[in-house]
C-alpha atoms as a PDB file:
ATOM      1  CA  MET A   1       0.268  -0.290   0.263  1.00  0.00           C
ATOM      2  CA  ALA A   2       1.324   3.451  -0.887  1.00  0.00           C
ATOM      3  CA  ALA A   3       3.146   5.555   1.980  1.00  0.00           C
ATOM      4  CA  THR A   4       0.516   8.076   4.058  1.00  0.00           C
ATOM      5  CA  ARG A   5       2.592  11.688   2.156  1.00  0.00           C
ATOM      6  CA  ILE A   6       2.794  14.479   4.613  1.00  0.00           C
ATOM      7  CA  LEU A   7       4.259  17.738   3.482  1.00  0.00           C
ATOM      8  CA  VAL A   8       6.494  19.776   5.381  1.00  0.00           C
ATOM      9  CA  VAL A   9       6.162  23.012   5.454  1.00  0.00           C
ATOM     10  CA  ASP A  10       8.931  24.689   6.983  1.00  0.00           C
ATOM     11  CA  ASP A  11      11.881  26.909   5.934  1.00  0.00           C
ATOM     12  CA  GLU A  12      14.603  25.739   8.732  1.00  0.00           C
ATOM     13  CA  PRO A  13      16.746  23.791   7.200  1.00  0.00           C
ATOM     14  CA  ASP A  14      17.485  22.202  10.657  1.00  0.00           C
ATOM     15  CA  PHE A  15      14.626  21.757  11.262  1.00  0.00           C
ATOM     16  CA  VAL A  16      12.799  20.129   8.461  1.00  0.00           C
ATOM     17  CA  GLN A  17      15.569  18.006   8.390  1.00  0.00           C
ATOM     18  CA  LEU A  18      14.598  17.203  12.459  1.00  0.00           C
ATOM     19  CA  ILE A  19      10.639  16.251  11.139  1.00  0.00           C
ATOM     20  CA  ARG A  20      11.946  14.210   8.231  1.00  0.00           C
ATOM     21  CA  ASP A  21      13.657  12.227  10.169  1.00  0.00           C
ATOM     22  CA  ILE A  22      10.985  11.473  13.071  1.00  0.00           C
ATOM     23  CA  LEU A  23       8.461  10.895  10.427  1.00  0.00           C
ATOM     24  CA  THR A  24      10.796   8.547   7.619  1.00  0.00           C
ATOM     25  CA  THR A  25      11.398   6.183  10.388  1.00  0.00           C
ATOM     26  CA  GLU A  26       7.407   5.559  11.353  1.00  0.00           C
ATOM     27  CA  ASN A  27       7.745   4.779   6.858  1.00  0.00           C
ATOM     28  CA  PHE A  28       5.661   7.910   6.122  1.00  0.00           C
ATOM     29  CA  ALA A  29       6.565   9.842   2.963  1.00  0.00           C
ATOM     30  CA  VAL A  30       7.498  13.392   3.414  1.00  0.00           C
ATOM     31  CA  SER A  31       8.102  16.046   1.166  1.00  0.00           C
ATOM     32  CA  VAL A  32       8.745  19.573   1.872  1.00  0.00           C
ATOM     33  CA  ALA A  33       7.841  23.721   1.092  1.00  0.00           C
ATOM     34  CA  ASP A  34       9.637  26.351   2.563  1.00  0.00           C
ATOM     35  CA  THR A  35       7.329  28.973   1.799  1.00  0.00           C
ATOM     36  CA  GLY A  36       3.974  30.170   1.926  1.00  0.00           C
ATOM     37  CA  PRO A  37       3.075  30.167  -1.537  1.00  0.00           C
ATOM     38  CA  SER A  38       4.894  27.207  -2.386  1.00  0.00           C
ATOM     39  CA  ALA A  39       3.185  25.455   0.441  1.00  0.00           C
ATOM     40  CA  ILE A  40      -0.284  26.560  -1.214  1.00  0.00           C
ATOM     41  CA  LYS A  41       1.393  24.817  -4.567  1.00  0.00           C
ATOM     42  CA  ALA A  42       2.419  22.004  -2.936  1.00  0.00           C
ATOM     43  CA  ALA A  43      -0.677  21.207  -1.206  1.00  0.00           C
ATOM     44  CA  ALA A  44      -2.784  22.302  -5.057  1.00  0.00           C
ATOM     45  CA  ASP A  45      -1.346  19.647  -6.539  1.00  0.00           C
ATOM     46  CA  THR A  46      -0.143  16.440  -4.991  1.00  0.00           C
ATOM     47  CA  LEU A  47      -2.994  16.682  -1.868  1.00  0.00           C
ATOM     48  CA  PRO A  48      -0.843  14.896   0.381  1.00  0.00           C
ATOM     49  CA  ASP A  49      -2.225  13.274   3.413  1.00  0.00           C
ATOM     50  CA  LEU A  50      -1.617  15.583   6.317  1.00  0.00           C
ATOM     51  CA  ILE A  51       0.112  19.154   6.275  1.00  0.00           C
ATOM     52  CA  LEU A  52       2.728  20.228   8.846  1.00  0.00           C
ATOM     53  CA  LEU A  53       2.776  24.361   8.807  1.00  0.00           C
ATOM     54  CA  ASP A  54       4.754  26.035   9.739  1.00  0.00           C
ATOM     55  CA  TRP A  55       3.788  29.572  11.802  1.00  0.00           C
ATOM     56  CA  ASN A  56       6.563  31.904  10.211  1.00  0.00           C
ATOM     57  CA  LEU A  57       7.100  31.475   6.533  1.00  0.00           C
ATOM     58  CA  PRO A  58       8.505  33.875   3.797  1.00  0.00           C
ATOM     59  CA  GLY A  59       5.654  34.944   0.952  1.00  0.00           C
ATOM     60  CA  LYS A  60       2.662  34.463   2.891  1.00  0.00           C
ATOM     61  CA  ASP A  61       2.282  33.036   6.788  1.00  0.00           C
ATOM     62  CA  GLY A  62       1.053  29.846   8.106  1.00  0.00           C
ATOM     63  CA  VAL A  63      -1.920  31.741   9.365  1.00  0.00           C
ATOM     64  CA  ASP A  64      -2.688  33.060   6.016  1.00  0.00           C
ATOM     65  CA  VAL A  65      -1.668  29.637   4.627  1.00  0.00           C
ATOM     66  CA  CYS A  66      -4.364  27.976   6.363  1.00  0.00           C
ATOM     67  CA  LYS A  67      -7.111  29.995   5.552  1.00  0.00           C
ATOM     68  CA  ILE A  68      -6.750  29.340   2.378  1.00  0.00           C
ATOM     69  CA  LEU A  69      -6.209  25.587   1.349  1.00  0.00           C
ATOM     70  CA  LYS A  70      -8.918  25.325   4.340  1.00  0.00           C
ATOM     71  CA  SER A  71     -11.420  27.971   1.578  1.00  0.00           C
ATOM     72  CA  ASP A  72     -10.554  25.858  -1.001  1.00  0.00           C
ATOM     73  CA  PRO A  73     -13.085  22.750  -1.860  1.00  0.00           C
ATOM     74  CA  LYS A  74     -10.268  20.717  -3.298  1.00  0.00           C
ATOM     75  CA  THR A  75      -7.727  21.051  -0.292  1.00  0.00           C
ATOM     76  CA  ARG A  76      -9.902  22.034   2.896  1.00  0.00           C
ATOM     77  CA  GLN A  77     -10.210  18.058   3.725  1.00  0.00           C
ATOM     78  CA  ILE A  78      -5.968  17.820   4.698  1.00  0.00           C
ATOM     79  CA  PRO A  79      -5.407  17.836   7.675  1.00  0.00           C
ATOM     80  CA  VAL A  80      -3.337  20.794   9.099  1.00  0.00           C
ATOM     81  CA  ILE A  81      -1.445  20.873  12.609  1.00  0.00           C
ATOM     82  CA  MET A  82       0.825  24.308  12.580  1.00  0.00           C
ATOM     83  CA  LEU A  83       4.093  23.890  13.854  1.00  0.00           C
ATOM     84  CA  THR A  84       5.499  26.432  16.223  1.00  0.00           C
ATOM     85  CA  VAL A  85       7.088  28.941  18.110  1.00  0.00           C
ATOM     86  CA  LYS A  86       4.243  31.250  19.059  1.00  0.00           C
ATOM     87  CA  GLY A  87       3.052  30.542  22.497  1.00  0.00           C
ATOM     88  CA  ARG A  88       0.389  32.894  23.676  1.00  0.00           C
ATOM     89  CA  GLU A  89      -3.724  31.356  23.751  1.00  0.00           C
ATOM     90  CA  SER A  90      -4.910  34.034  21.331  1.00  0.00           C
ATOM     91  CA  ASP A  91      -1.571  32.737  18.826  1.00  0.00           C
ATOM     92  CA  ILE A  92      -3.633  29.499  19.494  1.00  0.00           C
ATOM     93  CA  VAL A  93      -6.893  30.522  19.057  1.00  0.00           C
ATOM     94  CA  LEU A  94      -6.620  32.114  15.912  1.00  0.00           C
ATOM     95  CA  GLY A  95      -4.323  29.243  14.209  1.00  0.00           C
ATOM     96  CA  LEU A  96      -7.173  27.040  14.942  1.00  0.00           C
ATOM     97  CA  GLU A  97     -10.008  29.598  13.939  1.00  0.00           C
ATOM     98  CA  MET A  98      -8.304  29.727  10.303  1.00  0.00           C
ATOM     99  CA  GLY A  99      -8.669  26.084  10.347  1.00  0.00           C
ATOM    100  CA  ALA A 100      -5.707  24.414  11.850  1.00  0.00           C
ATOM    101  CA  ASP A 101      -6.733  20.170  13.282  1.00  0.00           C
ATOM    102  CA  ASP A 102      -3.693  21.368  15.532  1.00  0.00           C
ATOM    103  CA  TYR A 103      -1.170  22.573  17.354  1.00  0.00           C
ATOM    104  CA  MET A 104       2.322  22.099  18.747  1.00  0.00           C
ATOM    105  CA  HIS A 105       5.122  23.938  19.685  1.00  0.00           C
ATOM    106  CA  LYS A 106       8.632  23.414  18.034  1.00  0.00           C
ATOM    107  CA  ARG A 107      10.789  23.874  21.556  1.00  0.00           C
ATOM    108  CA  GLY A 108      11.027  20.739  23.079  1.00  0.00           C
ATOM    109  CA  LEU A 109       9.330  18.997  20.464  1.00  0.00           C
ATOM    110  CA  ARG A 110       8.698  15.236  21.474  1.00  0.00           C
ATOM    111  CA  PRO A 111       8.991  12.647  18.362  1.00  0.00           C
ATOM    112  CA  ARG A 112       6.516   9.940  19.858  1.00  0.00           C
ATOM    113  CA  GLU A 113       4.104  13.139  20.896  1.00  0.00           C
ATOM    114  CA  LEU A 114       4.603  14.296  16.919  1.00  0.00           C
ATOM    115  CA  VAL A 115       3.624  10.857  15.274  1.00  0.00           C
ATOM    116  CA  ALA A 116       0.972  10.292  18.131  1.00  0.00           C
ATOM    117  CA  ARG A 117      -0.813  13.916  16.548  1.00  0.00           C
ATOM    118  CA  VAL A 118       0.048  13.025  12.870  1.00  0.00           C
ATOM    119  CA  ARG A 119      -2.124   9.758  13.721  1.00  0.00           C
ATOM    120  CA  THR A 120      -4.751  10.985  15.856  1.00  0.00           C
ATOM    121  CA  ALA A 121      -5.726  13.357  12.907  1.00  0.00           C
ATOM    122  CA  LEU A 122      -5.096  11.047  10.317  1.00  0.00           C
ATOM    123  CA  ARG A 123      -7.661   9.105  12.090  1.00  0.00           C
ATOM    124  CA  LYS A 124      -9.741  11.680  12.540  1.00  0.00           C
ATOM    125  CA  TYR A 125     -10.577  12.703   8.616  1.00  0.00           C
ATOM    126  CA  ALA A 126     -10.714   9.056   8.030  1.00  0.00           C
ATOM    127  CA  THR A 127     -14.072   8.814  10.335  1.00  0.00           C
ATOM    128  CA  GLU A 128     -14.908  11.988   8.972  1.00  0.00           C
ATOM    129  CA  THR A 129     -14.254  11.568   5.477  1.00  0.00           C
ATOM    130  CA  SER A 130     -16.154   7.746   5.144  1.00  0.00           C
ATOM    131  CA  ALA A 131     -19.671   9.342   6.643  1.00  0.00           C
ATOM    132  CA  ASP A 132     -21.231  11.112   4.287  1.00  0.00           C
ATOM    133  CA  PRO A 133     -21.191   7.926   2.162  1.00  0.00           C
ATOM    134  CA  VAL A 134     -22.496   9.774  -1.069  1.00  0.00           C
ATOM    135  CA  PHE A 135     -20.270  11.433  -3.424  1.00  0.00           C
ATOM    136  CA  ARG A 136     -20.606  13.114  -6.868  1.00  0.00           C
ATOM    137  CA  SER A 137     -18.754  14.341  -9.688  1.00  0.00           C
ATOM    138  CA  GLY A 138     -21.122  16.093 -12.489  1.00  0.00           C
ATOM    139  CA  LYS A 139     -23.769  14.340 -12.736  1.00  0.00           C
ATOM    140  CA  LEU A 140     -22.244  11.304 -11.552  1.00  0.00           C
ATOM    141  CA  VAL A 141     -22.787  10.461  -7.688  1.00  0.00           C
ATOM    142  CA  LEU A 142     -22.330   7.352  -5.588  1.00  0.00           C
ATOM    143  CA  ASP A 143     -24.009   6.708  -2.790  1.00  0.00           C
ATOM    144  CA  ALA A 144     -22.218   3.899  -0.415  1.00  0.00           C
ATOM    145  CA  SER A 145     -24.690   3.040   1.928  1.00  0.00           C
ATOM    146  CA  LYS A 146     -26.904   2.051  -0.997  1.00  0.00           C
ATOM    147  CA  ARG A 147     -24.340   0.523  -3.275  1.00  0.00           C
ATOM    148  CA  SER A 148     -25.808   2.290  -5.852  1.00  0.00           C
ATOM    149  CA  VAL A 149     -24.362   4.407  -8.786  1.00  0.00           C
ATOM    150  CA  THR A 150     -26.930   6.819 -11.089  1.00  0.00           C
ATOM    151  CA  ILE A 151     -25.803   9.375 -13.940  1.00  0.00           C
ATOM    152  CA  GLY A 152     -28.863  12.750 -13.595  1.00  0.00           C
ATOM    153  CA  SER A 153     -31.540  10.043 -13.312  1.00  0.00           C
ATOM    154  CA  GLU A 154     -30.477   6.947 -15.142  1.00  0.00           C
ATOM    155  CA  SER A 155     -28.745   4.266 -12.647  1.00  0.00           C
ATOM    156  CA  VAL A 156     -25.822   2.606 -13.746  1.00  0.00           C
ATOM    157  CA  ASP A 157     -25.258  -1.479 -12.916  1.00  0.00           C
ATOM    158  CA  LEU A 158     -21.666  -1.899 -11.555  1.00  0.00           C
ATOM    159  CA  ARG A 159     -20.077  -5.117 -10.252  1.00  0.00           C
ATOM    160  CA  GLY A 160     -18.442  -5.545  -7.027  1.00  0.00           C
ATOM    161  CA  LYS A 161     -15.168  -4.382  -7.783  1.00  0.00           C
ATOM    162  CA  GLU A 162     -16.386  -1.633 -10.858  1.00  0.00           C
ATOM    163  CA  PHE A 163     -18.236   0.111  -7.908  1.00  0.00           C
ATOM    164  CA  ASP A 164     -14.999  -0.360  -5.097  1.00  0.00           C
ATOM    165  CA  LEU A 165     -12.507   1.490  -7.350  1.00  0.00           C
ATOM    166  CA  LEU A 166     -14.809   4.160  -8.233  1.00  0.00           C
ATOM    167  CA  GLN A 167     -15.345   5.037  -4.613  1.00  0.00           C
ATOM    168  CA  LEU A 168     -12.093   4.591  -4.281  1.00  0.00           C
ATOM    169  CA  PHE A 169     -11.508   7.077  -7.175  1.00  0.00           C
ATOM    170  CA  LEU A 170     -13.687   9.784  -5.473  1.00  0.00           C
ATOM    171  CA  GLN A 171     -12.494   9.568  -2.482  1.00  0.00           C
ATOM    172  CA  LYS A 172      -9.578  10.458  -3.668  1.00  0.00           C
ATOM    173  CA  ARG A 173      -9.870  12.647  -6.587  1.00  0.00           C
ATOM    174  CA  GLY A 174      -7.300  14.524  -8.061  1.00  0.00           C
ATOM    175  CA  ARG A 175      -4.760  12.172  -6.055  1.00  0.00           C
ATOM    176  CA  VAL A 176      -2.302   9.975  -8.516  1.00  0.00           C
ATOM    177  CA  LEU A 177      -3.064   6.296  -6.960  1.00  0.00           C
ATOM    178  CA  SER A 178      -0.335   3.399  -7.984  1.00  0.00           C
ATOM    179  CA  ARG A 179      -1.403  -0.111  -9.459  1.00  0.00           C
ATOM    180  CA  ASP A 180       0.333  -1.108  -5.884  1.00  0.00           C
ATOM    181  CA  PHE A 181      -2.334   1.002  -3.846  1.00  0.00           C
ATOM    182  CA  LEU A 182      -5.253   0.200  -6.320  1.00  0.00           C
ATOM    183  CA  THR A 183      -4.753  -3.361  -6.310  1.00  0.00           C
ATOM    184  CA  GLU A 184      -4.267  -3.563  -2.442  1.00  0.00           C
ATOM    185  CA  ALA A 185      -6.845  -1.386  -1.674  1.00  0.00           C
ATOM    186  CA  VAL A 186      -9.316  -3.177  -3.917  1.00  0.00           C
ATOM    187  CA  TRP A 187      -8.622  -6.552  -4.394  1.00  0.00           C
ATOM    188  CA  GLY A 188      -6.562  -7.052  -1.432  1.00  0.00           C
ATOM    189  CA  GLY A 189      -2.840  -8.390  -2.944  1.00  0.00           C
ATOM    190  CA  PRO A 190       0.475  -7.331  -4.494  1.00  0.00           C
ATOM    191  CA  TYR A 191       0.198  -6.521  -7.808  1.00  0.00           C
ATOM    192  CA  ILE A 192       0.744  -8.633 -10.181  1.00  0.00           C
ATOM    193  CA  ASP A 193       2.554  -7.370 -13.431  1.00  0.00           C
ATOM    194  CA  THR A 194       1.514  -9.592 -15.757  1.00  0.00           C
ATOM    195  CA  SER A 195      -2.560  -9.469 -15.020  1.00  0.00           C
ATOM    196  CA  ARG A 196      -4.873  -7.202 -17.283  1.00  0.00           C
ATOM    197  CA  THR A 197      -7.117  -7.785 -14.269  1.00  0.00           C
ATOM    198  CA  MET A 198      -6.800  -3.928 -13.145  1.00  0.00           C
ATOM    199  CA  ASP A 199      -6.854  -2.443 -16.785  1.00  0.00           C
ATOM    200  CA  THR A 200      -9.799  -4.720 -17.991  1.00  0.00           C
ATOM    201  CA  THR A 201     -11.551  -4.498 -15.121  1.00  0.00           C
ATOM    202  CA  ILE A 202     -11.356   0.324 -15.168  1.00  0.00           C
ATOM    203  CA  ALA A 203     -12.114  -0.207 -19.011  1.00  0.00           C
ATOM    204  CA  ARG A 204     -14.924  -2.111 -18.316  1.00  0.00           C
ATOM    205  CA  LEU A 205     -16.150   0.808 -15.403  1.00  0.00           C
ATOM    206  CA  ARG A 206     -15.164   3.914 -18.609  1.00  0.00           C
ATOM    207  CA  ALA A 207     -17.620   2.027 -20.710  1.00  0.00           C
ATOM    208  CA  LYS A 208     -20.530   1.852 -18.308  1.00  0.00           C
ATOM    209  CA  LEU A 209     -20.182   5.706 -17.279  1.00  0.00           C
ATOM    210  CA  GLY A 210     -20.216   6.986 -20.536  1.00  0.00           C
ATOM    211  CA  LYS A 211     -18.893  10.381 -20.970  1.00  0.00           C
ATOM    212  CA  GLU A 212     -18.174  10.220 -17.256  1.00  0.00           C
ATOM    213  CA  GLY A 213     -15.469   7.567 -17.597  1.00  0.00           C
ATOM    214  CA  ALA A 214     -13.499  10.482 -19.162  1.00  0.00           C
ATOM    215  CA  LYS A 215     -12.565  11.719 -15.555  1.00  0.00           C
ATOM    216  CA  ILE A 216     -10.739   8.597 -14.926  1.00  0.00           C
ATOM    217  CA  LEU A 217      -7.405   9.181 -16.205  1.00  0.00           C
ATOM    218  CA  SER A 218      -4.758   6.991 -17.238  1.00  0.00           C
ATOM    219  CA  LEU A 219      -0.611   7.398 -16.144  1.00  0.00           C
ATOM    220  CA  ARG A 220       1.266   5.326 -17.815  1.00  0.00           C
ATOM    221  CA  ASN A 221       3.353   2.859 -15.678  1.00  0.00           C
ATOM    222  CA  ILE A 222       1.857   4.232 -12.982  1.00  0.00           C
ATOM    223  CA  GLY A 223      -1.416   3.897 -12.291  1.00  0.00           C
ATOM    224  CA  TYR A 224      -4.389   6.027 -12.377  1.00  0.00           C
ATOM    225  CA  LYS A 225      -6.443   9.445 -11.386  1.00  0.00           C
ATOM    226  CA  PHE A 226      -9.908  10.750 -11.586  1.00  0.00           C
ATOM    227  CA  GLU A 227     -10.585  14.712 -12.312  1.00  0.00           C
ATOM    228  CA  ASP A 228     -13.349  15.779 -11.996  1.00  0.00           C
ATOM    229  CA  ASP A 229     -12.938  18.419 -15.172  1.00  0.00           C
ATOM    230  CA  PRO A 230      -9.591  16.616 -16.781  1.00  0.00           C
ATOM    231  CA  GLU A 231      -8.250  18.409 -19.713  1.00  0.00           C
END
């Protein structure tokens, strides 16, 4: 299964390296941005599973970055943990009001606490996301609780794996999903390079979805991605 991806936003190289060491030891995949604008772009382009966000950043401070991310439908579901030297109650309240999910002090950072907070935020969002069983993209509607799919007023008859794939695509829309990830998540086993099962199933799914099927994009030698508005 693909590693959980965390975007670390900080302009202090030594601190970034510390965070990277802590998280990679726990098998998280870490990427880095060192300015406010680059953080916004990286979040929108890569859709990480969680963001560790410094308050003081060049170009745009962390509070403004958090506000922008939480106001964008594409990134608002990404949990954000603020990491900062600021410790006044008013600062903490401001960060939380802008949409931050948690707040940690950089001074005296404890590795085990950081990892625990990261895992807690990830679990919280996974629970909240799964609580809403209805996913929409244009005329396409998937109801997970009823295991039904409609396009406009027309019902779409999907087989088990076709439905599971579509639900996963909608949950992870905009993200590149590797073959390994898709096979683990839908078939529950490792990807076998010689097998055409995945490609055949996705081709069948696309055909059943008609024009909506064009939203499932194939990335050669990588995997697939679902885009609400494919170019």
